[in-house]
Amino acid sequence: MGDDAMNTTASLGVDIGSVSTKGVVLGEDGQLLAAQYLYTQGDPLEAARELLRSLCGQLSSGTVVRSVGTTGSARKLVGAMLGAGAVKNEITAHAVGALSRRPGLRTILEIGGQDSKIILTDGKVVTDYAMNTLCAAGTGAFLSSQAERMGLSVEELGKAALRSQSPAKIAARCTVFAESDLVHKAQAGHSKDDLLAGLCRAVVLNYLSNVGKGKRIRPPIVFQGGVSKNKGVIRAFEAELGCEIHVDTDSHLMGALGAAILSRGTESCKPFDFAAGEIPCSTKVSHCAGCANNCEIVSFYQNGNLLDRWGTKCEKGSGGEPQPLRAGGSTKTGNLETDTEAV
């Protein structure tokens, strides 16, 4: 790519979840040089490969990626594949990403495809958080399924909800009750706009009564994750909380943005090769018999070489296998990564 003085040094951040995979390439000045959002479709490694191809195609020839960070539910798997220097939990990554765009924020509301979270901050410190991975009624997957059932896209759902003047009251405590209530009220004569506005409100009420229960929600408040693009949900949050909800243009990319920022300080003298995703890789799952925990251990191989291993809760988990050739930035034999890191 020529002399280093002519190059743009950048960081790669990948947020790979159960529903969607997000990636950004971030310049030293914080500028987004490339960004991509796509669906994971049950195959995080293939989604990561497709993500790398897209990001690489967006970059100028003088861009050199020196650090890589991953987050999301498949952060360890994809982190091993990419040789990531930073593999961070979602709370830390989302907080760092949001604070980089709005330093004075106090509350982060995040709703993704399969889970949701709330993060409370004081300055640049995360003071409290909660996650919900059990109830689907407060997630993007639920909204998507209901929009599809009504013959609408998710974008059309949000626009229709904004037209409502009298949102229907929809049961919010679970997906089964909410869907039954939607059918019942449609048959009773409620308009589609009112039903969709009621659905958005039900998602918000479910979120506040589960994820936000007992939390001191204070402005400035930012809303991020895929559902933050739904204007009907934004309006429902503002109505329930009585204050403005801020949504960044890149609100759906905040986890990836945070991962890229967190990777700084792990720079490598060797530029990241976007072809890394094309190297044959595989995983092997085994169970440790070293103690009563019977931990499930995942070993990651690239070209037949063991690169990383995770899943064990103690030092007995090596199982006598050879140690990884490199750390890859993810959790190795020993204690699991916790979700209590400071920002």
Foldseek 3Di string as FASTA:
>chain_A
DDDLVQAFEWFKFWEDEQFKIKIFIATPVRDTQFIDIDTCVRPVLVRLLVRLVRRVVSHDPRYFYFAYFYEYPCQQVVLLLQLHQAYAYQLQQLLQLVCVVPQCFAKEWEAAAQKTKIFGDDRQWTDDMFIDRDARLQHPVLLQVVCVVVVHGLQVLLVLLVPDPAADAAAQQHSVRRVVRLVVVVVVPDDSNNPSLNSLLSSVVNCCVPNVPPPDHDPPYEYAYPCLSRNSNQVSNCVVVVDHYHYDPVRNRRSRSSRRVVRPVVTDPDTRDSCSSVFDKDKDWAFQPQDPVRWIKIFIDTPRATAAMDTDAAQSPPNPDDAHPYHSNADHRHHHDDNPDID
